[in-house]
Amino acid sequence: MEEALLLKRAKNGDLEAYKHIIDHYSPLVERFAFQIGTPYKSISDVSQEVFIRIYRTLPQFSQTTFTTWLYTMTYKTVKEYVEQALYEEEQECENPIFLHEEDKMLHECIGGLDEIYRLPIILFCFHDQSYEEISDILKISVSTVKTRVTKAKSLLKQSIIQKEQEAGVYDG
């Protein structure tokens, strides 16, 4: 079903339409929440909170794209969730989400970036958001987004090389 029609129906109180929205966008919300710092065990709680907030504020939704709004709401929810310390962060966990050791290393390297670099690179590389969409989500200029994505790539490269050298697998 078309997104605009589902949103219109959900705004008018159609719970079945809202269920379709949740089913369709849950994987995106969960992946983004995890990538920006939500511990694996708390992803479903954060996702649920995002969709509760979306439901409560849906009548006021007026942005041009739903996904931009969804990313913004997810980011705010994760940030508040972390700041309020509603859960205990897992320091060293073996997450079943990682299929390969390289995936875990990349996640650790991305997690080590300052938030100003981490969010743009995640949205750009893993969620296929344009610079303009990232600008809307993070409420920063497009030129700032471009600069931060470029800087994040450089920092990630350095971090990956350093981790590979520490592990003895870097071959220059």
Protein backbone atom coordinates (compact mmCIF):
# COMPACT_ATOMS: atom_id res chain seq x y z
CA MET A 1 0.00 0.00 0.00
CA GLU A 2 1.24 3.50 -0.76
CA GLU A 3 2.94 5.34 2.11
CA ALA A 4 0.88 8.53 1.75
CA LEU A 5 -2.39 6.59 1.89
CA LEU A 6 -1.25 4.59 4.92
CA LEU A 7 -0.23 7.79 6.71
CA LYS A 8 -3.55 9.44 5.90
CA ARG A 9 -5.48 6.42 7.16
CA ALA A 10 -3.31 6.18 10.29
CA LYS A 11 -3.83 9.91 10.99
CA ASN A 12 -7.57 9.23 10.87
CA GLY A 13 -7.24 6.50 13.52
CA ASP A 14 -6.98 3.40 11.32
CA LEU A 15 -4.95 1.04 13.53
CA GLU A 16 -4.53 -1.52 10.75
CA ALA A 17 -2.83 1.12 8.59
CA TYR A 18 -0.58 2.04 11.50
CA LYS A 19 0.30 -1.63 11.98
CA HIS A 20 1.43 -1.73 8.33
CA ILE A 21 3.61 1.33 8.97
CA ILE A 22 5.19 -0.35 12.00
CA ASP A 23 5.76 -3.62 10.15
CA HIS A 24 7.35 -1.83 7.22
CA TYR A 25 9.60 0.58 9.15
CA SER A 26 10.57 -1.46 12.24
CA PRO A 27 13.69 -2.96 10.66
CA LEU A 28 14.90 0.51 9.63
CA VAL A 29 14.28 1.96 13.11
CA GLU A 30 15.94 -1.01 14.84
CA ARG A 31 19.01 -0.94 12.60
CA PHE A 32 19.46 2.83 12.95
CA ALA A 33 18.92 2.70 16.74
CA PHE A 34 21.55 -0.02 17.07
CA GLN A 35 24.02 1.79 14.85
CA ILE A 36 23.79 5.00 16.87
CA GLY A 37 24.39 3.33 20.20
CA THR A 38 21.41 1.38 21.48
CA PRO A 39 22.57 -1.87 23.10
CA TYR A 40 21.30 -4.96 21.30
CA LYS A 41 19.12 -6.01 24.24
CA SER A 42 17.33 -2.63 24.26
CA ILE A 43 16.56 -2.28 20.56
CA SER A 44 12.97 -3.52 20.79
CA ASP A 45 12.25 -1.18 23.73
CA VAL A 46 13.61 1.82 21.83
CA SER A 47 11.77 0.83 18.65
CA GLN A 48 8.53 0.49 20.57
CA GLU A 49 9.04 3.93 22.12
CA VAL A 50 9.71 5.46 18.68
CA PHE A 51 6.45 4.08 17.29
CA ILE A 52 4.49 5.18 20.35
CA ARG A 53 5.83 8.71 19.87
CA ILE A 54 5.10 8.60 16.15
CA TYR A 55 1.54 7.49 16.86
CA ARG A 56 0.99 10.24 19.41
CA THR A 57 2.34 12.96 17.14
CA LEU A 58 1.09 11.63 13.80
CA PRO A 59 -1.77 14.16 13.59
CA GLN A 60 0.82 16.97 13.64
CA PHE A 61 3.02 15.35 10.97
CA SER A 62 3.53 17.79 8.12
CA GLN A 63 7.06 17.16 6.84
CA THR A 64 7.56 16.29 3.22
CA THR A 65 8.98 12.82 3.84
CA PHE A 66 7.95 10.36 6.51
CA THR A 67 11.36 8.67 6.64
CA THR A 68 13.12 11.95 7.47
CA TRP A 69 10.70 12.42 10.35
CA LEU A 70 11.13 8.79 11.40
CA TYR A 71 14.94 9.09 11.50
CA THR A 72 14.64 12.31 13.51
CA MET A 73 12.25 10.71 16.00
CA THR A 74 14.49 7.64 16.31
CA TYR A 75 17.56 9.79 16.91
CA LYS A 76 15.78 11.86 19.58
CA THR A 77 14.38 8.77 21.27
CA VAL A 78 17.75 7.02 21.41
CA LYS A 79 19.42 10.17 22.71
CA GLU A 80 16.82 10.59 25.46
CA TYR A 81 16.90 6.90 26.27
CA VAL A 82 20.66 7.00 26.75
CA GLU A 83 20.66 10.31 28.64
CA GLN A 84 17.97 9.15 31.07
CA ALA A 85 19.90 5.94 31.72
CA LEU A 86 16.79 3.78 31.34
CA TYR A 87 18.95 0.79 30.71
CA GLU A 88 22.39 -0.47 31.61
CA GLU A 89 24.76 -0.32 28.65
CA GLU A 90 26.39 -3.55 27.61
CA GLN A 91 30.16 -3.08 27.44
CA GLU A 92 31.36 -6.36 26.04
CA CYS A 93 28.70 -8.46 24.42
CA GLU A 94 28.64 -11.04 21.73
CA ASN A 95 25.81 -9.85 19.55
CA PRO A 96 24.19 -12.31 17.18
CA ILE A 97 23.70 -9.36 14.81
CA PHE A 98 27.37 -9.64 13.77
CA LEU A 99 27.98 -12.33 11.21
CA HIS A 100 31.71 -11.70 10.87
CA GLU A 101 34.45 -10.33 13.09
CA GLU A 102 34.93 -7.50 10.56
CA ASP A 103 31.33 -6.40 11.15
CA LYS A 104 31.94 -6.20 14.89
CA MET A 105 35.17 -4.26 14.35
CA LEU A 106 33.45 -1.80 12.00
CA HIS A 107 30.63 -1.31 14.51
CA GLU A 108 33.18 -0.66 17.27
CA CYS A 109 35.07 1.82 15.07
CA ILE A 110 31.87 3.65 14.17
CA GLY A 111 30.84 3.65 17.83
CA GLY A 112 34.17 5.26 18.67
CA LEU A 113 33.46 8.27 16.48
CA ASP A 114 32.18 11.47 18.03
CA GLU A 115 28.42 11.77 17.55
CA ILE A 116 28.83 14.65 15.09
CA TYR A 117 30.62 12.26 12.71
CA ARG A 118 28.90 9.00 13.66
CA LEU A 119 25.33 10.02 12.79
CA PRO A 120 26.03 11.44 9.31
CA ILE A 121 28.19 8.47 8.25
CA ILE A 122 25.59 5.95 9.47
CA LEU A 123 22.77 7.72 7.66
CA PHE A 124 24.83 8.16 4.50
CA CYS A 125 26.48 4.74 4.22
CA PHE A 126 24.01 2.38 5.84
CA HIS A 127 20.65 4.07 5.27
CA ASP A 128 21.28 5.58 1.82
CA GLN A 129 20.20 9.04 2.91
CA SER A 130 21.23 11.98 0.72
CA TYR A 131 23.17 14.92 2.10
CA GLU A 132 19.95 16.96 1.96
CA GLU A 133 17.98 14.35 3.89
CA ILE A 134 20.71 14.10 6.52
CA SER A 135 20.68 17.88 6.76
CA ASP A 136 16.94 17.78 7.48
CA ILE A 137 17.25 14.96 10.02
CA LEU A 138 20.12 16.49 11.98
CA LYS A 139 19.12 20.14 11.45
CA ILE A 140 22.52 21.16 10.08
CA SER A 141 23.58 22.63 6.73
CA VAL A 142 24.28 20.44 3.70
CA SER A 143 27.89 21.65 3.56
CA THR A 144 28.34 20.64 7.21
CA VAL A 145 26.94 17.18 6.39
CA LYS A 146 29.39 16.78 3.50
CA THR A 147 32.31 17.85 5.68
CA ARG A 148 31.33 15.50 8.50
CA VAL A 149 30.84 12.51 6.20
CA THR A 150 34.26 13.11 4.63
CA LYS A 151 35.90 13.50 8.04
CA ALA A 152 34.10 10.40 9.36
CA LYS A 153 35.41 8.32 6.46
CA SER A 154 38.95 9.46 7.20
CA LEU A 155 38.61 8.78 10.94
CA LEU A 156 37.10 5.35 10.26
CA LYS A 157 39.94 4.43 7.94
CA GLN A 158 42.50 5.41 10.60
CA SER A 159 40.63 3.51 13.30
CA ILE A 160 40.29 0.35 11.19
CA ILE A 161 43.99 0.40 10.29
CA GLN A 162 44.89 0.84 13.96
CA LYS A 163 42.65 -2.06 15.05
CA GLU A 164 44.05 -4.29 12.30
CA GLN A 165 47.62 -3.44 13.36
CA GLU A 166 46.76 -4.22 16.96
CA ALA A 167 45.32 -7.56 15.86
CA GLY A 168 48.30 -8.25 13.63
CA VAL A 169 46.26 -8.53 10.45
CA TYR A 170 47.12 -5.21 8.73
CA ASP A 171 49.28 -5.76 5.67
CA GLY A 172 49.65 -2.13 4.53
